[in-house]
Amino acid sequence: KRIGILTSGGDAPGMNACIRAAVRTAL
């Protein structure tokens, strides 16, 4: 029913695209 998403270590361009896709898929 409920998931978490986190980013860890060095930031990398495209992480926000991944977060966005994961959220939309979850919803």
PDB file of all heavy atoms in Angstrom:
ATOM      1  N   LYS A   1       0.802  -1.222   0.000  1.00  0.00           N
ATOM      2  CA  LYS A   1       0.000   0.000   0.000  1.00  0.00           C
ATOM      3  C   LYS A   1       0.837   1.276   0.000  1.00  0.00           C
ATOM      4  O   LYS A   1       0.398   2.311  -0.505  1.00  0.00           O
ATOM      5  CB  LYS A   1      -0.928   0.020   1.219  1.00  0.00           C
ATOM      6  CG  LYS A   1      -1.945  -1.111   1.247  1.00  0.00           C
ATOM      7  CD  LYS A   1      -2.818  -1.024   2.488  1.00  0.00           C
ATOM      8  CE  LYS A   1      -3.845  -2.155   2.518  1.00  0.00           C
ATOM      9  NZ  LYS A   1      -4.698  -2.096   3.740  1.00  0.00           N
ATOM     10  N   ARG A   2       2.027   1.213   0.582  1.00  0.00           N
ATOM     11  CA  ARG A   2       2.821   2.435   0.756  1.00  0.00           C
ATOM     12  C   ARG A   2       4.305   2.121   0.580  1.00  0.00           C
ATOM     13  O   ARG A   2       4.815   1.161   1.160  1.00  0.00           O
ATOM     14  CB  ARG A   2       2.570   2.995   2.153  1.00  0.00           C
ATOM     15  CG  ARG A   2       3.349   4.257   2.520  1.00  0.00           C
ATOM     16  CD  ARG A   2       2.868   4.741   3.890  1.00  0.00           C
ATOM     17  NE  ARG A   2       3.746   5.725   4.486  1.00  0.00           N
ATOM     18  CZ  ARG A   2       3.721   7.030   4.234  1.00  0.00           C
ATOM     19  NH1 ARG A   2       2.834   7.496   3.355  1.00  0.00           N
ATOM     20  NH2 ARG A   2       4.539   7.869   4.836  1.00  0.00           N
ATOM     21  N   ILE A   3       4.976   2.922  -0.244  1.00  0.00           N
ATOM     22  CA  ILE A   3       6.411   2.719  -0.465  1.00  0.00           C
ATOM     23  C   ILE A   3       7.176   4.011  -0.171  1.00  0.00           C
ATOM     24  O   ILE A   3       6.602   5.102  -0.154  1.00  0.00           O
ATOM     25  CB  ILE A   3       6.725   2.255  -1.901  1.00  0.00           C
ATOM     26  CG1 ILE A   3       6.408   3.350  -2.919  1.00  0.00           C
ATOM     27  CG2 ILE A   3       5.999   0.958  -2.222  1.00  0.00           C
ATOM     28  CD1 ILE A   3       6.930   3.069  -4.314  1.00  0.00           C
ATOM     29  N   GLY A   4       8.477   3.861   0.057  1.00  0.00           N
ATOM     30  CA  GLY A   4       9.350   5.006   0.245  1.00  0.00           C
ATOM     31  C   GLY A   4      10.373   5.075  -0.872  1.00  0.00           C
ATOM     32  O   GLY A   4      10.702   4.060  -1.496  1.00  0.00           O
ATOM     33  N   ILE A   5      10.863   6.284  -1.137  1.00  0.00           N
ATOM     34  CA  ILE A   5      11.900   6.492  -2.148  1.00  0.00           C
ATOM     35  C   ILE A   5      12.978   7.367  -1.521  1.00  0.00           C
ATOM     36  O   ILE A   5      12.668   8.374  -0.876  1.00  0.00           O
ATOM     37  CB  ILE A   5      11.355   7.194  -3.407  1.00  0.00           C
ATOM     38  CG1 ILE A   5      10.216   6.389  -4.037  1.00  0.00           C
ATOM     39  CG2 ILE A   5      12.466   7.415  -4.432  1.00  0.00           C
ATOM     40  CD1 ILE A   5       9.530   7.097  -5.195  1.00  0.00           C
ATOM     41  N   LEU A   6      14.244   6.979  -1.705  1.00  0.00           N
ATOM     42  CA  LEU A   6      15.334   7.833  -1.229  1.00  0.00           C
ATOM     43  C   LEU A   6      16.469   7.852  -2.234  1.00  0.00           C
ATOM     44  O   LEU A   6      16.620   6.947  -3.060  1.00  0.00           O
ATOM     45  CB  LEU A   6      15.826   7.396   0.154  1.00  0.00           C
ATOM     46  CG  LEU A   6      16.504   6.030   0.347  1.00  0.00           C
ATOM     47  CD1 LEU A   6      17.963   6.009  -0.101  1.00  0.00           C
ATOM     48  CD2 LEU A   6      16.433   5.615   1.808  1.00  0.00           C
ATOM     49  N   THR A   7      17.264   8.920  -2.177  1.00  0.00           N
ATOM     50  CA  THR A   7      18.484   9.024  -2.969  1.00  0.00           C
ATOM     51  C   THR A   7      19.649   9.136  -1.992  1.00  0.00           C
ATOM     52  O   THR A   7      19.569   9.844  -0.993  1.00  0.00           O
ATOM     53  CB  THR A   7      18.459  10.259  -3.897  1.00  0.00           C
ATOM     54  OG1 THR A   7      18.122  11.430  -3.139  1.00  0.00           O
ATOM     55  CG2 THR A   7      17.425  10.077  -4.991  1.00  0.00           C
ATOM     56  N   SER A   8      20.729   8.420  -2.289  1.00  0.00           N
ATOM     57  CA  SER A   8      21.839   8.344  -1.340  1.00  0.00           C
ATOM     58  C   SER A   8      23.169   8.469  -2.064  1.00  0.00           C
ATOM     59  O   SER A   8      23.276   8.149  -3.255  1.00  0.00           O
ATOM     60  CB  SER A   8      21.774   7.014  -0.584  1.00  0.00           C
ATOM     61  OG  SER A   8      22.890   6.838   0.263  1.00  0.00           O
ATOM     62  N   GLY A   9      24.193   8.932  -1.350  1.00  0.00           N
ATOM     63  CA  GLY A   9      25.519   9.078  -1.943  1.00  0.00           C
ATOM     64  C   GLY A   9      25.594  10.301  -2.829  1.00  0.00           C
ATOM     65  O   GLY A   9      24.900  11.296  -2.621  1.00  0.00           O
ATOM     66  N   GLY A  10      26.434  10.242  -3.844  1.00  0.00           N
ATOM     67  CA  GLY A  10      26.589  11.379  -4.750  1.00  0.00           C
ATOM     68  C   GLY A  10      25.364  11.591  -5.610  1.00  0.00           C
ATOM     69  O   GLY A  10      24.763  10.630  -6.105  1.00  0.00           O
ATOM     70  N   ASP A  11      24.974  12.848  -5.801  1.00  0.00           N
ATOM     71  CA  ASP A  11      23.843  13.131  -6.684  1.00  0.00           C
ATOM     72  C   ASP A  11      24.247  12.883  -8.130  1.00  0.00           C
ATOM     73  O   ASP A  11      25.430  12.931  -8.478  1.00  0.00           O
ATOM     74  CB  ASP A  11      23.365  14.571  -6.507  1.00  0.00           C
ATOM     75  CG  ASP A  11      24.449  15.585  -6.842  1.00  0.00           C
ATOM     76  OD1 ASP A  11      25.495  15.567  -6.174  1.00  0.00           O
ATOM     77  OD2 ASP A  11      24.262  16.383  -7.782  1.00  0.00           O
ATOM     78  N   ALA A  12      23.268  12.615  -8.975  1.00  0.00           N
ATOM     79  CA  ALA A  12      23.529  12.339 -10.381  1.00  0.00           C
ATOM     80  C   ALA A  12      22.374  12.866 -11.217  1.00  0.00           C
ATOM     81  O   ALA A  12      21.207  12.649 -10.860  1.00  0.00           O
ATOM     82  CB  ALA A  12      23.701  10.836 -10.616  1.00  0.00           C
ATOM     83  N   PRO A  13      22.652  13.571 -12.321  1.00  0.00           N
ATOM     84  CA  PRO A  13      21.582  14.070 -13.185  1.00  0.00           C
ATOM     85  C   PRO A  13      20.718  12.920 -13.696  1.00  0.00           C
ATOM     86  O   PRO A  13      21.241  11.911 -14.176  1.00  0.00           O
ATOM     87  CB  PRO A  13      22.339  14.739 -14.339  1.00  0.00           C
ATOM     88  CG  PRO A  13      23.695  15.026 -13.797  1.00  0.00           C
ATOM     89  CD  PRO A  13      23.991  13.933 -12.833  1.00  0.00           C
ATOM     90  N   GLY A  14      19.426  13.052 -13.564  1.00  0.00           N
ATOM     91  CA  GLY A  14      18.495  11.993 -13.954  1.00  0.00           C
ATOM     92  C   GLY A  14      17.831  11.351 -12.756  1.00  0.00           C
ATOM     93  O   GLY A  14      16.858  10.600 -12.903  1.00  0.00           O
ATOM     94  N   MET A  15      18.338  11.625 -11.541  1.00  0.00           N
ATOM     95  CA  MET A  15      17.700  11.084 -10.348  1.00  0.00           C
ATOM     96  C   MET A  15      16.256  11.585 -10.214  1.00  0.00           C
ATOM     97  O   MET A  15      15.365  10.836  -9.812  1.00  0.00           O
ATOM     98  CB  MET A  15      18.502  11.452  -9.097  1.00  0.00           C
ATOM     99  CG  MET A  15      19.732  10.584  -8.862  1.00  0.00           C
ATOM    100  SD  MET A  15      20.569  11.007  -7.316  1.00  0.00           S
ATOM    101  CE  MET A  15      21.664   9.583  -7.128  1.00  0.00           C
ATOM    102  N   ASN A  16      16.041  12.854 -10.569  1.00  0.00           N
ATOM    103  CA  ASN A  16      14.681  13.387 -10.457  1.00  0.00           C
ATOM    104  C   ASN A  16      13.738  12.745 -11.469  1.00  0.00           C
ATOM    105  O   ASN A  16      12.557  12.540 -11.179  1.00  0.00           O
ATOM    106  CB  ASN A  16      14.702  14.907 -10.633  1.00  0.00           C
ATOM    107  CG  ASN A  16      15.331  15.599  -9.436  1.00  0.00           C
ATOM    108  OD1 ASN A  16      15.154  15.170  -8.301  1.00  0.00           O
ATOM    109  ND2 ASN A  16      16.072  16.665  -9.687  1.00  0.00           N
ATOM    110  N   ALA A  17      14.255  12.426 -12.644  1.00  0.00           N
ATOM    111  CA  ALA A  17      13.440  11.700 -13.624  1.00  0.00           C
ATOM    112  C   ALA A  17      13.037  10.339 -13.069  1.00  0.00           C
ATOM    113  O   ALA A  17      11.919   9.868 -13.283  1.00  0.00           O
ATOM    114  CB  ALA A  17      14.209  11.535 -14.933  1.00  0.00           C
ATOM    115  N   CYS A  18      13.970   9.705 -12.337  1.00  0.00           N
ATOM    116  CA  CYS A  18      13.701   8.396 -11.736  1.00  0.00           C
ATOM    117  C   CYS A  18      12.666   8.514 -10.616  1.00  0.00           C
ATOM    118  O   CYS A  18      11.735   7.704 -10.534  1.00  0.00           O
ATOM    119  CB  CYS A  18      15.000   7.808 -11.199  1.00  0.00           C
ATOM    120  SG  CYS A  18      14.839   6.134 -10.566  1.00  0.00           S
ATOM    121  N   ILE A  19      12.827   9.519  -9.757  1.00  0.00           N
ATOM    122  CA  ILE A  19      11.853   9.747  -8.679  1.00  0.00           C
ATOM    123  C   ILE A  19      10.463   9.978  -9.274  1.00  0.00           C
ATOM    124  O   ILE A  19       9.471   9.386  -8.838  1.00  0.00           O
ATOM    125  CB  ILE A  19      12.273  10.961  -7.828  1.00  0.00           C
ATOM    126  CG1 ILE A  19      13.572  10.672  -7.079  1.00  0.00           C
ATOM    127  CG2 ILE A  19      11.162  11.339  -6.835  1.00  0.00           C
ATOM    128  CD1 ILE A  19      14.210  11.918  -6.470  1.00  0.00           C
ATOM    129  N   ARG A  20      10.405  10.842 -10.275  1.00  0.00           N
ATOM    130  CA  ARG A  20       9.130  11.154 -10.936  1.00  0.00           C
ATOM    131  C   ARG A  20       8.466   9.905 -11.494  1.00  0.00           C
ATOM    132  O   ARG A  20       7.266   9.670 -11.299  1.00  0.00           O
ATOM    133  CB  ARG A  20       9.392  12.170 -12.049  1.00  0.00           C
ATOM    134  CG  ARG A  20       8.219  12.464 -12.968  1.00  0.00           C
ATOM    135  CD  ARG A  20       8.685  13.462 -14.041  1.00  0.00           C
ATOM    136  NE  ARG A  20       7.647  13.743 -15.010  1.00  0.00           N
ATOM    137  CZ  ARG A  20       7.435  13.057 -16.127  1.00  0.00           C
ATOM    138  NH1 ARG A  20       8.222  11.987 -16.396  1.00  0.00           N
ATOM    139  NH2 ARG A  20       6.486  13.383 -16.971  1.00  0.00           N
ATOM    140  N   ALA A  21       9.250   9.078 -12.185  1.00  0.00           N
ATOM    141  CA  ALA A  21       8.703   7.864 -12.794  1.00  0.00           C
ATOM    142  C   ALA A  21       8.224   6.885 -11.732  1.00  0.00           C
ATOM    143  O   ALA A  21       7.162   6.255 -11.878  1.00  0.00           O
ATOM    144  CB  ALA A  21       9.754   7.206 -13.677  1.00  0.00           C
ATOM    145  N   ALA A  22       8.994   6.750 -10.652  1.00  0.00           N
ATOM    146  CA  ALA A  22       8.606   5.831  -9.578  1.00  0.00           C
ATOM    147  C   ALA A  22       7.317   6.292  -8.906  1.00  0.00           C
ATOM    148  O   ALA A  22       6.431   5.476  -8.616  1.00  0.00           O
ATOM    149  CB  ALA A  22       9.731   5.727  -8.553  1.00  0.00           C
ATOM    150  N   VAL A  23       7.201   7.585  -8.662  1.00  0.00           N
ATOM    151  CA  VAL A  23       5.983   8.120  -8.027  1.00  0.00           C
ATOM    152  C   VAL A  23       4.774   7.901  -8.923  1.00  0.00           C
ATOM    153  O   VAL A  23       3.722   7.436  -8.467  1.00  0.00           O
ATOM    154  CB  VAL A  23       6.158   9.615  -7.704  1.00  0.00           C
ATOM    155  CG1 VAL A  23       4.823  10.235  -7.276  1.00  0.00           C
ATOM    156  CG2 VAL A  23       7.201   9.818  -6.613  1.00  0.00           C
ATOM    157  N   ARG A  24       4.907   8.218 -10.185  1.00  0.00           N
ATOM    158  CA  ARG A  24       3.764   8.068 -11.103  1.00  0.00           C
ATOM    159  C   ARG A  24       3.357   6.606 -11.256  1.00  0.00           C
ATOM    160  O   ARG A  24       2.172   6.293 -11.354  1.00  0.00           O
ATOM    161  CB  ARG A  24       4.095   8.697 -12.461  1.00  0.00           C
ATOM    162  CG  ARG A  24       4.179  10.206 -12.389  1.00  0.00           C
ATOM    163  CD  ARG A  24       4.078  10.856 -13.740  1.00  0.00           C
ATOM    164  NE  ARG A  24       3.875  12.298 -13.601  1.00  0.00           N
ATOM    165  CZ  ARG A  24       3.565  13.106 -14.597  1.00  0.00           C
ATOM    166  NH1 ARG A  24       3.400  12.615 -15.821  1.00  0.00           N
ATOM    167  NH2 ARG A  24       3.397  14.394 -14.400  1.00  0.00           N
ATOM    168  N   THR A  25       4.331   5.717 -11.269  1.00  0.00           N
ATOM    169  CA  THR A  25       4.010   4.289 -11.359  1.00  0.00           C
ATOM    170  C   THR A  25       3.311   3.810 -10.096  1.00  0.00           C
ATOM    171  O   THR A  25       2.348   3.037 -10.156  1.00  0.00           O
ATOM    172  CB  THR A  25       5.294   3.468 -11.579  1.00  0.00           C
ATOM    173  OG1 THR A  25       5.984   3.962 -12.725  1.00  0.00           O
ATOM    174  CG2 THR A  25       4.972   1.995 -11.796  1.00  0.00           C
ATOM    175  N   ALA A  26       3.787   4.276  -8.957  1.00  0.00           N
ATOM    176  CA  ALA A  26       3.149   3.909  -7.682  1.00  0.00           C
ATOM    177  C   ALA A  26       1.716   4.413  -7.630  1.00  0.00           C
ATOM    178  O   ALA A  26       0.792   3.664  -7.256  1.00  0.00           O
ATOM    179  CB  ALA A  26       3.961   4.476  -6.521  1.00  0.00           C
ATOM    180  N   LEU A  27       1.511   5.669  -8.003  1.00  0.00           N
ATOM    181  CA  LEU A  27       0.168   6.236  -7.966  1.00  0.00           C
ATOM    182  C   LEU A  27      -0.772   5.510  -8.936  1.00  0.00           C
ATOM    183  O   LEU A  27      -1.962   5.318  -8.647  1.00  0.00           O
ATOM    184  CB  LEU A  27       0.217   7.728  -8.296  1.00  0.00           C
ATOM    185  CG  LEU A  27       0.976   8.615  -7.300  1.00  0.00           C
ATOM    186  CD1 LEU A  27       0.992  10.069  -7.784  1.00  0.00           C
ATOM    187  CD2 LEU A  27       0.367   8.525  -5.907  1.00  0.00           C
TER     188      LEU A  27
END
